Amino acid sequence: MLEAGLIDTGGTIVDVDDVATNLSRYIGHNDQGRTICMYRDAKTKLELTQDDIRQFQLAKGAVYAGAECLLARAGITSDELAAAVVTGALGFSIGRNILSAVGMLPEKLIEKVTFYDGGVIAGLSRCLLNAHGADVDAEVQALTDSLRPYPLSGTPHFEKAFVAAINFPNRVNDAD
């Protein structure tokens, strides 16, 4: 939608008259305001609302700010980080180009991302099928004991990074 010009970098669904292509036909209105029609058939109409886009912006801003804060907490920059893994539904459904286009992670970090759609299941399977006879319970407990919470919300660094990451970056056509 960014690339097609249906939403601007602020996340606003643009006016139909501001779209120079026939993609403007996907912009509509409902009782909540402008919408973008994602799918339509005889029985179903799936619309993306301005609020849907805003919720995505809040989520991606939190992910970005969280990554920034964790890097700062570790005392390193994304240049110094060897690798990052994106797993779960996000790792299965989103690519590096989308992470970059929407600004979900710091750009230097995106270059180091490895996508692993079944990371949790693979880790659990490896743990349960450990053929080395190691005490799996002890390993899991040691890992659990080493983890410490790091509250992000409400900290000045998080808030500043979060606000800066809300809008979409103007990177959609950088590859051109």
N, C-alpha and C. Protein backbone atom coordinates (compact mmCIF):
# COMPACT_ATOMS: atom_id res chain seq x y z
N MET A 1 0.81 -1.19 0.00
CA MET A 1 0.00 0.00 0.00
C MET A 1 0.86 1.26 0.00
N LEU A 2 1.99 1.19 0.72
CA LEU A 2 2.93 2.32 0.67
C LEU A 2 3.46 2.49 -0.75
N GLU A 3 3.91 1.39 -1.30
CA GLU A 3 4.48 1.41 -2.65
C GLU A 3 3.47 1.87 -3.69
N ALA A 4 2.23 1.48 -3.50
CA ALA A 4 1.18 1.84 -4.44
C ALA A 4 0.65 3.25 -4.22
N GLY A 5 1.06 3.89 -3.12
CA GLY A 5 0.60 5.24 -2.84
C GLY A 5 -0.78 5.31 -2.24
N LEU A 6 -1.28 4.20 -1.69
CA LEU A 6 -2.60 4.20 -1.08
C LEU A 6 -2.57 4.72 0.36
N ILE A 7 -1.40 4.63 0.97
CA ILE A 7 -1.21 5.26 2.27
C ILE A 7 0.08 6.06 2.21
N ASP A 8 0.14 7.12 3.00
CA ASP A 8 1.35 7.95 3.02
C ASP A 8 2.28 7.51 4.14
N THR A 9 3.44 8.13 4.26
CA THR A 9 4.42 7.72 5.27
C THR A 9 3.92 7.95 6.69
N GLY A 10 2.92 8.78 6.85
CA GLY A 10 2.30 8.98 8.16
C GLY A 10 1.28 7.92 8.49
N GLY A 11 1.00 7.03 7.52
CA GLY A 11 0.04 5.95 7.74
C GLY A 11 -1.39 6.32 7.40
N THR A 12 -1.59 7.47 6.79
CA THR A 12 -2.93 7.92 6.45
C THR A 12 -3.35 7.37 5.09
N ILE A 13 -4.56 6.83 5.04
CA ILE A 13 -5.12 6.41 3.76
C ILE A 13 -5.38 7.68 2.96
N VAL A 14 -4.81 7.75 1.79
CA VAL A 14 -4.89 8.98 1.00
C VAL A 14 -6.27 9.13 0.35
N ASP A 15 -6.55 10.32 -0.09
CA ASP A 15 -7.78 10.60 -0.81
C ASP A 15 -7.71 9.95 -2.19
N VAL A 16 -8.83 9.48 -2.67
CA VAL A 16 -8.91 8.84 -3.99
C VAL A 16 -8.30 9.72 -5.07
N ASP A 17 -8.53 11.00 -4.99
CA ASP A 17 -8.03 11.92 -6.01
C ASP A 17 -6.51 12.07 -6.00
N ASP A 18 -5.86 11.61 -4.92
CA ASP A 18 -4.41 11.72 -4.82
C ASP A 18 -3.67 10.49 -5.34
N VAL A 19 -4.42 9.49 -5.82
CA VAL A 19 -3.81 8.27 -6.35
C VAL A 19 -3.84 8.36 -7.87
N ALA A 20 -2.68 8.33 -8.50
CA ALA A 20 -2.58 8.54 -9.94
C ALA A 20 -2.83 7.28 -10.77
N THR A 21 -3.06 6.16 -10.11
CA THR A 21 -3.26 4.91 -10.85
C THR A 21 -4.68 4.39 -10.63
N ASN A 22 -4.98 3.30 -11.32
CA ASN A 22 -6.31 2.69 -11.16
C ASN A 22 -6.45 1.96 -9.81
N LEU A 23 -5.40 1.94 -9.02
CA LEU A 23 -5.48 1.35 -7.68
C LEU A 23 -6.37 2.17 -6.75
N SER A 24 -6.69 3.38 -7.18
CA SER A 24 -7.58 4.22 -6.38
C SER A 24 -8.93 3.55 -6.16
N ARG A 25 -9.26 2.60 -7.01
CA ARG A 25 -10.56 1.91 -6.88
C ARG A 25 -10.66 1.11 -5.59
N TYR A 26 -9.53 0.83 -4.94
CA TYR A 26 -9.55 0.07 -3.69
C TYR A 26 -9.83 0.94 -2.48
N ILE A 27 -9.77 2.24 -2.65
CA ILE A 27 -10.05 3.15 -1.53
C ILE A 27 -11.55 3.38 -1.47
N GLY A 28 -12.09 3.20 -0.28
CA GLY A 28 -13.52 3.39 -0.07
C GLY A 28 -13.78 4.10 1.24
N HIS A 29 -15.01 4.08 1.66
CA HIS A 29 -15.41 4.70 2.92
C HIS A 29 -16.40 3.79 3.63
N ASN A 30 -16.34 3.80 4.93
CA ASN A 30 -17.39 3.19 5.74
C ASN A 30 -17.67 4.15 6.89
N ASP A 31 -18.41 3.69 7.90
CA ASP A 31 -18.76 4.59 9.00
C ASP A 31 -17.55 5.03 9.83
N GLN A 32 -16.41 4.37 9.65
CA GLN A 32 -15.19 4.75 10.37
C GLN A 32 -14.30 5.70 9.56
N GLY A 33 -14.63 5.94 8.31
CA GLY A 33 -13.82 6.81 7.46
C GLY A 33 -13.29 6.06 6.25
N ARG A 34 -12.14 6.47 5.75
CA ARG A 34 -11.54 5.83 4.58
C ARG A 34 -11.11 4.41 4.89
N THR A 35 -11.24 3.58 3.88
CA THR A 35 -10.83 2.18 3.99
C THR A 35 -10.08 1.78 2.73
N ILE A 36 -9.40 0.66 2.83
CA ILE A 36 -8.79 0.04 1.65
C ILE A 36 -9.37 -1.36 1.55
N CYS A 37 -9.97 -1.65 0.42
CA CYS A 37 -10.57 -2.96 0.20
C CYS A 37 -9.46 -3.96 -0.10
N MET A 38 -9.34 -4.96 0.76
CA MET A 38 -8.31 -5.98 0.61
C MET A 38 -8.83 -7.19 -0.17
N TYR A 39 -10.14 -7.46 -0.02
CA TYR A 39 -10.74 -8.62 -0.67
C TYR A 39 -12.24 -8.39 -0.76
N ARG A 40 -12.80 -8.87 -1.85
CA ARG A 40 -14.25 -8.76 -2.01
C ARG A 40 -14.75 -9.86 -2.91
N ASP A 41 -15.82 -10.50 -2.48
CA ASP A 41 -16.54 -11.42 -3.35
C ASP A 41 -18.03 -11.23 -3.06
N ALA A 42 -18.86 -12.12 -3.54
CA ALA A 42 -20.31 -11.95 -3.41
C ALA A 42 -20.77 -11.92 -1.95
N LYS A 43 -20.05 -12.61 -1.07
CA LYS A 43 -20.47 -12.70 0.33
C LYS A 43 -19.61 -11.89 1.30
N THR A 44 -18.41 -11.58 0.92
CA THR A 44 -17.45 -11.04 1.88
C THR A 44 -16.77 -9.79 1.35
N LYS A 45 -16.56 -8.86 2.26
CA LYS A 45 -15.75 -7.69 1.95
C LYS A 45 -14.82 -7.48 3.13
N LEU A 46 -13.54 -7.52 2.84
CA LEU A 46 -12.52 -7.31 3.86
C LEU A 46 -11.87 -5.95 3.64
N GLU A 47 -12.05 -5.06 4.61
CA GLU A 47 -11.54 -3.71 4.49
C GLU A 47 -10.51 -3.43 5.58
N LEU A 48 -9.49 -2.71 5.22
CA LEU A 48 -8.48 -2.23 6.15
C LEU A 48 -8.87 -0.80 6.51
N THR A 49 -9.02 -0.54 7.79
CA THR A 49 -9.43 0.80 8.23
C THR A 49 -8.22 1.62 8.66
N GLN A 50 -8.44 2.89 8.85
CA GLN A 50 -7.38 3.76 9.34
C GLN A 50 -6.91 3.29 10.72
N ASP A 51 -7.83 2.81 11.54
CA ASP A 51 -7.46 2.30 12.85
C ASP A 51 -6.60 1.04 12.73
N ASP A 52 -6.88 0.17 11.76
CA ASP A 52 -6.06 -1.03 11.55
C ASP A 52 -4.61 -0.63 11.24
N ILE A 53 -4.46 0.35 10.39
CA ILE A 53 -3.12 0.82 10.03
C ILE A 53 -2.43 1.41 11.26
N ARG A 54 -3.17 2.16 12.05
CA ARG A 54 -2.60 2.77 13.25
C ARG A 54 -2.14 1.69 14.24
N GLN A 55 -2.94 0.65 14.40
CA GLN A 55 -2.56 -0.43 15.30
C GLN A 55 -1.28 -1.12 14.82
N PHE A 56 -1.15 -1.28 13.52
CA PHE A 56 0.08 -1.85 12.97
C PHE A 56 1.26 -0.92 13.25
N GLN A 57 1.06 0.38 13.07
CA GLN A 57 2.12 1.34 13.33
C GLN A 57 2.56 1.30 14.79
N LEU A 58 1.62 1.17 15.70
CA LEU A 58 1.97 1.09 17.12
C LEU A 58 2.77 -0.18 17.41
N ALA A 59 2.36 -1.28 16.83
CA ALA A 59 3.07 -2.55 17.04
C ALA A 59 4.47 -2.49 16.46
N LYS A 60 4.60 -2.01 15.24
CA LYS A 60 5.92 -1.98 14.61
C LYS A 60 6.81 -0.94 15.28
N GLY A 61 6.24 0.14 15.78
CA GLY A 61 7.00 1.12 16.54
C GLY A 61 7.54 0.53 17.84
N ALA A 62 6.73 -0.32 18.49
CA ALA A 62 7.17 -0.96 19.73
C ALA A 62 8.28 -1.97 19.46
N VAL A 63 8.17 -2.71 18.36
CA VAL A 63 9.22 -3.68 18.00
C VAL A 63 10.53 -2.93 17.72
N TYR A 64 10.45 -1.88 16.93
CA TYR A 64 11.64 -1.08 16.61
C TYR A 64 12.27 -0.52 17.89
N ALA A 65 11.46 0.12 18.71
CA ALA A 65 11.97 0.72 19.94
C ALA A 65 12.54 -0.33 20.88
N GLY A 66 11.89 -1.50 20.95
CA GLY A 66 12.41 -2.58 21.77
C GLY A 66 13.78 -3.03 21.31
N ALA A 67 13.96 -3.16 20.01
CA ALA A 67 15.27 -3.55 19.47
C ALA A 67 16.32 -2.49 19.80
N GLU A 68 15.97 -1.23 19.62
CA GLU A 68 16.90 -0.14 19.94
C GLU A 68 17.30 -0.17 21.42
N CYS A 69 16.33 -0.36 22.30
CA CYS A 69 16.61 -0.37 23.73
C CYS A 69 17.45 -1.58 24.14
N LEU A 70 17.17 -2.73 23.56
CA LEU A 70 17.94 -3.92 23.89
C LEU A 70 19.39 -3.79 23.42
N LEU A 71 19.58 -3.21 22.26
CA LEU A 71 20.95 -2.95 21.79
C LEU A 71 21.67 -2.00 22.74
N ALA A 72 20.98 -0.94 23.14
CA ALA A 72 21.58 0.03 24.07
C ALA A 72 21.90 -0.63 25.41
N ARG A 73 20.99 -1.46 25.89
CA ARG A 73 21.19 -2.16 27.17
C ARG A 73 22.42 -3.06 27.09
N ALA A 74 22.62 -3.70 25.93
CA ALA A 74 23.78 -4.58 25.74
C ALA A 74 25.05 -3.78 25.49
N GLY A 75 24.90 -2.48 25.23
CA GLY A 75 26.06 -1.64 24.99
C GLY A 75 26.68 -1.84 23.63
N ILE A 76 25.85 -2.23 22.66
CA ILE A 76 26.35 -2.44 21.30
C ILE A 76 25.45 -1.74 20.30
N THR A 77 25.96 -1.58 19.10
CA THR A 77 25.17 -1.03 18.01
C THR A 77 24.74 -2.17 17.10
N SER A 78 23.82 -1.90 16.22
CA SER A 78 23.40 -2.95 15.28
C SER A 78 24.54 -3.34 14.35
N ASP A 79 25.51 -2.45 14.15
CA ASP A 79 26.69 -2.80 13.36
C ASP A 79 27.50 -3.90 14.03
N GLU A 80 27.52 -3.89 15.35
CA GLU A 80 28.32 -4.85 16.10
C GLU A 80 27.62 -6.18 16.33
N LEU A 81 26.33 -6.21 16.14
CA LEU A 81 25.56 -7.44 16.35
C LEU A 81 25.84 -8.42 15.21
N ALA A 82 26.13 -9.65 15.56
CA ALA A 82 26.48 -10.65 14.55
C ALA A 82 25.26 -11.11 13.75
N ALA A 83 24.14 -11.35 14.43
CA ALA A 83 22.96 -11.88 13.75
C ALA A 83 21.72 -11.60 14.58
N ALA A 84 20.59 -11.63 13.92
CA ALA A 84 19.29 -11.52 14.57
C ALA A 84 18.38 -12.55 13.93
N VAL A 85 17.51 -13.16 14.74
CA VAL A 85 16.60 -14.18 14.24
C VAL A 85 15.18 -13.67 14.41
N VAL A 86 14.39 -13.76 13.35
CA VAL A 86 12.97 -13.44 13.41
C VAL A 86 12.24 -14.76 13.19
N THR A 87 11.40 -15.14 14.15
CA THR A 87 10.76 -16.44 14.09
C THR A 87 9.26 -16.30 14.35
N GLY A 88 8.58 -17.43 14.44
CA GLY A 88 7.15 -17.43 14.68
C GLY A 88 6.39 -16.99 13.44
N ALA A 89 5.18 -16.49 13.65
CA ALA A 89 4.34 -16.06 12.53
C ALA A 89 5.01 -14.94 11.74
N LEU A 90 5.70 -14.06 12.45
CA LEU A 90 6.39 -12.96 11.78
C LEU A 90 7.50 -13.49 10.88
N GLY A 91 8.26 -14.46 11.35
CA GLY A 91 9.34 -15.04 10.56
C GLY A 91 8.83 -15.82 9.37
N PHE A 92 7.60 -16.29 9.47
CA PHE A 92 7.00 -17.06 8.38
C PHE A 92 6.39 -16.16 7.31
N SER A 93 5.88 -15.01 7.72
CA SER A 93 5.04 -14.23 6.81
C SER A 93 5.62 -12.92 6.31
N ILE A 94 6.77 -12.53 6.81
CA ILE A 94 7.29 -11.22 6.41
C ILE A 94 8.73 -11.38 5.94
N GLY A 95 9.10 -10.61 4.96
CA GLY A 95 10.45 -10.68 4.42
C GLY A 95 11.26 -9.45 4.77
N ARG A 96 12.54 -9.53 4.46
CA ARG A 96 13.48 -8.44 4.74
C ARG A 96 13.02 -7.14 4.06
N ASN A 97 12.52 -7.25 2.83
CA ASN A 97 12.09 -6.04 2.12
C ASN A 97 10.92 -5.35 2.82
N ILE A 98 10.02 -6.13 3.41
CA ILE A 98 8.89 -5.54 4.13
C ILE A 98 9.36 -4.92 5.44
N LEU A 99 10.23 -5.64 6.16
CA LEU A 99 10.78 -5.07 7.41
C LEU A 99 11.39 -3.70 7.13
N SER A 100 12.10 -3.60 6.03
CA SER A 100 12.75 -2.34 5.67
C SER A 100 11.74 -1.29 5.23
N ALA A 101 10.80 -1.68 4.39
CA ALA A 101 9.83 -0.72 3.84
C ALA A 101 8.98 -0.08 4.93
N VAL A 102 8.62 -0.85 5.95
CA VAL A 102 7.78 -0.29 7.01
C VAL A 102 8.59 0.22 8.19
N GLY A 103 9.89 -0.07 8.22
CA GLY A 103 10.74 0.41 9.30
C GLY A 103 10.50 -0.32 10.61
N MET A 104 10.37 -1.64 10.56
CA MET A 104 10.09 -2.40 11.77
C MET A 104 11.32 -2.64 12.64
N LEU A 105 12.49 -2.61 12.01
CA LEU A 105 13.75 -2.79 12.74
C LEU A 105 14.75 -1.77 12.22
N PRO A 106 15.77 -1.46 13.03
CA PRO A 106 16.82 -0.58 12.51
C PRO A 106 17.42 -1.18 11.23
N GLU A 107 17.68 -0.35 10.26
CA GLU A 107 18.11 -0.80 8.93
C GLU A 107 19.33 -1.71 8.99
N LYS A 108 20.32 -1.36 9.78
CA LYS A 108 21.54 -2.19 9.88
C LYS A 108 21.23 -3.56 10.49
N LEU A 109 20.21 -3.63 11.31
CA LEU A 109 19.81 -4.90 11.91
C LEU A 109 19.09 -5.78 10.90
N ILE A 110 18.31 -5.17 10.02
CA ILE A 110 17.56 -5.92 9.01
C ILE A 110 18.50 -6.71 8.11
N GLU A 111 19.67 -6.12 7.82
CA GLU A 111 20.66 -6.81 6.98
C GLU A 111 21.14 -8.11 7.61
N LYS A 112 21.02 -8.24 8.93
CA LYS A 112 21.54 -9.40 9.65
C LYS A 112 20.47 -10.39 10.07
N VAL A 113 19.24 -10.15 9.65
CA VAL A 113 18.13 -11.00 10.05
C VAL A 113 18.15 -12.33 9.29
N THR A 114 17.93 -13.41 10.04
CA THR A 114 17.67 -14.72 9.49
C THR A 114 16.23 -15.05 9.86
N PHE A 115 15.45 -15.48 8.90
CA PHE A 115 14.05 -15.83 9.14
C PHE A 115 13.95 -17.33 9.40
N TYR A 116 13.27 -17.67 10.48
CA TYR A 116 13.13 -19.06 10.87
C TYR A 116 11.70 -19.26 11.32
N ASP A 117 10.87 -19.77 10.43
CA ASP A 117 9.43 -19.81 10.72
C ASP A 117 9.04 -20.82 11.79
N GLY A 118 9.86 -21.77 12.11
CA GLY A 118 9.51 -22.75 13.13
C GLY A 118 10.50 -22.79 14.26
N GLY A 119 11.02 -21.67 14.66
CA GLY A 119 12.08 -21.61 15.65
C GLY A 119 11.72 -22.19 17.00
N VAL A 120 10.55 -21.86 17.51
CA VAL A 120 10.16 -22.35 18.83
C VAL A 120 9.96 -23.86 18.79
N ILE A 121 9.25 -24.35 17.78
CA ILE A 121 9.01 -25.79 17.66
C ILE A 121 10.33 -26.54 17.48
N ALA A 122 11.23 -26.01 16.66
CA ALA A 122 12.53 -26.66 16.45
C ALA A 122 13.32 -26.72 17.75
N GLY A 123 13.29 -25.64 18.50
CA GLY A 123 14.01 -25.61 19.78
C GLY A 123 13.44 -26.58 20.78
N LEU A 124 12.12 -26.63 20.87
CA LEU A 124 11.47 -27.58 21.77
C LEU A 124 11.74 -29.01 21.35
N SER A 125 11.66 -29.24 20.06
CA SER A 125 11.94 -30.59 19.56
C SER A 125 13.36 -31.01 19.87
N ARG A 126 14.31 -30.12 19.64
CA ARG A 126 15.71 -30.42 19.92
C ARG A 126 15.91 -30.70 21.40
N CYS A 127 15.24 -29.94 22.22
CA CYS A 127 15.34 -30.13 23.66
C CYS A 127 14.75 -31.48 24.07
N LEU A 128 13.58 -31.81 23.57
CA LEU A 128 12.91 -33.06 23.94
C LEU A 128 13.59 -34.30 23.37
N LEU A 129 14.21 -34.14 22.23
CA LEU A 129 14.85 -35.28 21.58
C LEU A 129 16.36 -35.31 21.79
N ASN A 130 16.81 -34.58 22.79
CA ASN A 130 18.24 -34.49 23.06
C ASN A 130 18.82 -35.90 23.23
N ALA A 131 19.64 -36.32 22.29
CA ALA A 131 20.19 -37.66 22.28
C ALA A 131 21.49 -37.76 23.07
N HIS A 132 21.96 -36.68 23.62
CA HIS A 132 23.25 -36.68 24.31
C HIS A 132 23.12 -37.08 25.77
N GLY A 133 21.92 -37.36 26.23
CA GLY A 133 21.72 -37.79 27.61
C GLY A 133 21.86 -36.66 28.62
N ALA A 134 21.90 -35.44 28.17
CA ALA A 134 22.03 -34.30 29.08
C ALA A 134 20.75 -34.15 29.89
N ASP A 135 20.88 -33.55 31.01
CA ASP A 135 19.72 -33.30 31.86
C ASP A 135 18.97 -32.09 31.30
N VAL A 136 17.97 -32.37 30.49
CA VAL A 136 17.23 -31.31 29.81
C VAL A 136 16.57 -30.38 30.80
N ASP A 137 15.99 -30.93 31.85
CA ASP A 137 15.34 -30.09 32.85
C ASP A 137 16.33 -29.10 33.47
N ALA A 138 17.53 -29.55 33.75
CA ALA A 138 18.55 -28.68 34.34
C ALA A 138 18.96 -27.59 33.36
N GLU A 139 19.09 -27.93 32.08
CA GLU A 139 19.45 -26.93 31.06
C GLU A 139 18.37 -25.87 30.94
N VAL A 140 17.11 -26.32 30.90
CA VAL A 140 16.00 -25.37 30.79
C VAL A 140 15.94 -24.50 32.04
N GLN A 141 16.13 -25.09 33.21
CA GLN A 141 16.10 -24.32 34.45
C GLN A 141 17.24 -23.31 34.49
N ALA A 142 18.43 -23.71 34.04
CA ALA A 142 19.58 -22.79 34.02
C ALA A 142 19.30 -21.61 33.09
N LEU A 143 18.70 -21.89 31.94
CA LEU A 143 18.34 -20.81 31.02
C LEU A 143 17.30 -19.90 31.65
N THR A 144 16.28 -20.49 32.25
CA THR A 144 15.23 -19.72 32.90
C THR A 144 15.80 -18.83 34.00
N ASP A 145 16.70 -19.38 34.80
CA ASP A 145 17.30 -18.62 35.90
C ASP A 145 18.17 -17.47 35.40
N SER A 146 18.71 -17.59 34.19
CA SER A 146 19.59 -16.54 33.66
C SER A 146 18.82 -15.37 33.07
N LEU A 147 17.55 -15.55 32.80
CA LEU A 147 16.74 -14.49 32.19
C LEU A 147 16.32 -13.46 33.22
N ARG A 148 16.40 -12.20 32.84
CA ARG A 148 16.00 -11.10 33.71
C ARG A 148 15.06 -10.19 32.93
N PRO A 149 13.97 -9.77 33.57
CA PRO A 149 13.06 -8.86 32.87
C PRO A 149 13.74 -7.51 32.64
N TYR A 150 13.40 -6.92 31.53
CA TYR A 150 13.91 -5.59 31.21
C TYR A 150 12.73 -4.76 30.72
N PRO A 151 12.02 -4.10 31.66
CA PRO A 151 10.85 -3.31 31.27
C PRO A 151 11.25 -2.16 30.35
N LEU A 152 10.56 -2.06 29.26
CA LEU A 152 10.87 -1.02 28.27
C LEU A 152 9.89 0.14 28.33
N SER A 153 8.62 -0.17 28.40
CA SER A 153 7.59 0.85 28.33
C SER A 153 7.76 1.86 29.45
N GLY A 154 7.67 3.12 29.09
CA GLY A 154 7.77 4.20 30.05
C GLY A 154 9.18 4.72 30.25
N THR A 155 10.18 4.04 29.70
CA THR A 155 11.54 4.56 29.83
C THR A 155 11.77 5.63 28.77
N PRO A 156 12.56 6.65 29.07
CA PRO A 156 12.78 7.72 28.09
C PRO A 156 13.34 7.22 26.76
N HIS A 157 14.28 6.28 26.80
CA HIS A 157 14.87 5.77 25.56
C HIS A 157 13.81 5.07 24.71
N PHE A 158 12.99 4.23 25.36
CA PHE A 158 11.93 3.52 24.63
C PHE A 158 10.93 4.52 24.04
N GLU A 159 10.49 5.45 24.85
CA GLU A 159 9.48 6.41 24.39
C GLU A 159 9.98 7.22 23.19
N LYS A 160 11.22 7.66 23.26
CA LYS A 160 11.80 8.45 22.16
C LYS A 160 11.91 7.61 20.88
N ALA A 161 12.42 6.39 21.01
CA ALA A 161 12.56 5.51 19.85
C ALA A 161 11.19 5.12 19.30
N PHE A 162 10.22 4.89 20.19
CA PHE A 162 8.87 4.51 19.78
C PHE A 162 8.21 5.60 18.95
N VAL A 163 8.26 6.82 19.46
CA VAL A 163 7.65 7.95 18.73
C VAL A 163 8.33 8.14 17.37
N ALA A 164 9.64 7.99 17.34
CA ALA A 164 10.38 8.17 16.08
C ALA A 164 10.06 7.07 15.08
N ALA A 165 9.61 5.91 15.55
CA ALA A 165 9.39 4.76 14.66
C ALA A 165 7.93 4.60 14.23
N ILE A 166 7.03 5.43 14.69
CA ILE A 166 5.61 5.27 14.36
C ILE A 166 5.35 5.41 12.86
N ASN A 167 5.85 6.46 12.26
CA ASN A 167 5.61 6.66 10.83
C ASN A 167 6.38 5.65 10.00
N PHE A 168 5.95 5.49 8.77
CA PHE A 168 6.65 4.61 7.86
C PHE A 168 7.81 5.37 7.24
N PRO A 169 8.96 4.72 7.15
CA PRO A 169 10.10 5.40 6.52
C PRO A 169 9.85 5.56 5.03
N ASN A 170 10.54 6.49 4.44
CA ASN A 170 10.40 6.71 3.00
C ASN A 170 11.44 5.87 2.28
N ARG A 171 11.40 4.54 2.48
CA ARG A 171 12.37 3.64 1.88
C ARG A 171 11.77 2.76 0.79
N VAL A 172 10.51 2.92 0.52
CA VAL A 172 9.81 2.01 -0.39
C VAL A 172 10.49 1.95 -1.76
N ASN A 173 10.89 3.07 -2.27
CA ASN A 173 11.46 3.08 -3.63
C ASN A 173 12.97 3.29 -3.63
N ASP A 174 13.64 3.06 -2.49
CA ASP A 174 15.09 3.26 -2.42
C ASP A 174 15.85 2.33 -3.35
N ALA A 175 15.29 1.17 -3.65
CA ALA A 175 15.98 0.20 -4.52
C ALA A 175 15.98 0.65 -5.97
N ASP A 176 15.13 1.60 -6.32
CA ASP A 176 15.03 2.05 -7.71
C ASP A 176 16.27 2.81 -8.15
